[in-house]
Amino acid sequence: MKESTLVDVHKSLTGMTGILKELRPDTPSIMRTVKNGLKATVMLMKDLEEQGKQYKKA
């Protein structure tokens, strides 16, 4: 997984959180959900990248 892909995902999710804030600034739970989703996505991508490295070594 390329670094740029990770950055693109982060930018799009950050953009979405900005839109959500404008629509419903009184709902921090949405923000929490999106942030947790972002963290999970980043963790998954890092994990997949690590697995790819292990696979190449084998």
C-alpha atoms as a PDB file:
ATOM      1  CA  MET A   1       0.000   0.000   0.000  1.00  0.00           C
ATOM      2  CA  LYS A   2       1.459   3.302  -1.044  1.00  0.00           C
ATOM      3  CA  GLU A   3       1.853   6.152   1.433  1.00  0.00           C
ATOM      4  CA  SER A   4      -0.073   8.449  -0.922  1.00  0.00           C
ATOM      5  CA  THR A   5      -3.111   6.150  -0.748  1.00  0.00           C
ATOM      6  CA  LEU A   6      -3.116   6.457   3.024  1.00  0.00           C
ATOM      7  CA  VAL A   7      -2.895  10.242   2.742  1.00  0.00           C
ATOM      8  CA  ASP A   8      -5.770  10.318   0.231  1.00  0.00           C
ATOM      9  CA  VAL A   9      -7.968   8.237   2.526  1.00  0.00           C
ATOM     10  CA  HIS A  10      -7.103  10.487   5.458  1.00  0.00           C
ATOM     11  CA  LYS A  11      -7.875  13.650   3.459  1.00  0.00           C
ATOM     12  CA  SER A  12     -11.231  12.348   2.265  1.00  0.00           C
ATOM     13  CA  LEU A  13     -12.243  11.259   5.768  1.00  0.00           C
ATOM     14  CA  THR A  14     -11.067  14.569   7.216  1.00  0.00           C
ATOM     15  CA  GLY A  15     -13.111  16.352   4.561  1.00  0.00           C
ATOM     16  CA  MET A  16     -16.160  14.282   5.496  1.00  0.00           C
ATOM     17  CA  THR A  17     -15.761  15.123   9.177  1.00  0.00           C
ATOM     18  CA  GLY A  18     -15.654  18.813   8.243  1.00  0.00           C
ATOM     19  CA  ILE A  19     -18.899  18.445   6.294  1.00  0.00           C
ATOM     20  CA  LEU A  20     -20.512  16.538   9.165  1.00  0.00           C
ATOM     21  CA  LYS A  21     -19.468  19.264  11.611  1.00  0.00           C
ATOM     22  CA  GLU A  22     -21.121  21.906   9.438  1.00  0.00           C
ATOM     23  CA  LEU A  23     -24.312  19.887   9.082  1.00  0.00           C
ATOM     24  CA  ARG A  24     -24.670  18.830  12.712  1.00  0.00           C
ATOM     25  CA  PRO A  25     -22.146  20.559  14.977  1.00  0.00           C
ATOM     26  CA  ASP A  26     -24.073  19.286  18.007  1.00  0.00           C
ATOM     27  CA  THR A  27     -23.274  15.622  17.377  1.00  0.00           C
ATOM     28  CA  PRO A  28     -19.819  14.717  18.676  1.00  0.00           C
ATOM     29  CA  SER A  29     -20.798  11.042  18.529  1.00  0.00           C
ATOM     30  CA  ILE A  30     -20.679  11.186  14.716  1.00  0.00           C
ATOM     31  CA  MET A  31     -17.223  12.707  14.962  1.00  0.00           C
ATOM     32  CA  ARG A  32     -16.108   9.961  17.323  1.00  0.00           C
ATOM     33  CA  THR A  33     -17.462   7.300  14.975  1.00  0.00           C
ATOM     34  CA  VAL A  34     -15.675   8.796  11.981  1.00  0.00           C
ATOM     35  CA  LYS A  35     -12.408   9.197  13.903  1.00  0.00           C
ATOM     36  CA  ASN A  36     -12.601   5.606  15.141  1.00  0.00           C
ATOM     37  CA  GLY A  37     -13.295   4.499  11.575  1.00  0.00           C
ATOM     38  CA  LEU A  38     -10.247   6.430  10.401  1.00  0.00           C
ATOM     39  CA  LYS A  39      -8.055   4.861  13.084  1.00  0.00           C
ATOM     40  CA  ALA A  40      -9.319   1.399  12.168  1.00  0.00           C
ATOM     41  CA  THR A  41      -8.673   2.058   8.463  1.00  0.00           C
ATOM     42  CA  VAL A  42      -5.122   3.235   9.135  1.00  0.00           C
ATOM     43  CA  MET A  43      -4.419   0.249  11.391  1.00  0.00           C
ATOM     44  CA  LEU A  44      -5.799  -2.146   8.776  1.00  0.00           C
ATOM     45  CA  MET A  45      -3.726  -0.567   6.000  1.00  0.00           C
ATOM     46  CA  LYS A  46      -0.553  -0.729   8.100  1.00  0.00           C
ATOM     47  CA  ASP A  47      -1.309  -4.354   8.944  1.00  0.00           C
ATOM     48  CA  LEU A  48      -1.841  -5.233   5.278  1.00  0.00           C
ATOM     49  CA  GLU A  49       1.387  -3.452   4.362  1.00  0.00           C
ATOM     50  CA  GLU A  50       3.269  -5.434   7.011  1.00  0.00           C
ATOM     51  CA  GLN A  51       1.765  -8.694   5.741  1.00  0.00           C
ATOM     52  CA  GLY A  52       2.857  -7.733   2.222  1.00  0.00           C
ATOM     53  CA  LYS A  53       6.440  -7.261   3.417  1.00  0.00           C
ATOM     54  CA  GLN A  54       6.385 -10.644   5.172  1.00  0.00           C
ATOM     55  CA  TYR A  55       4.985 -12.267   2.031  1.00  0.00           C
ATOM     56  CA  LYS A  56       7.740 -10.791  -0.163  1.00  0.00           C
ATOM     57  CA  LYS A  57      10.437 -12.113   2.194  1.00  0.00           C
ATOM     58  CA  ALA A  58       9.055 -15.672   2.079  1.00  0.00           C
END
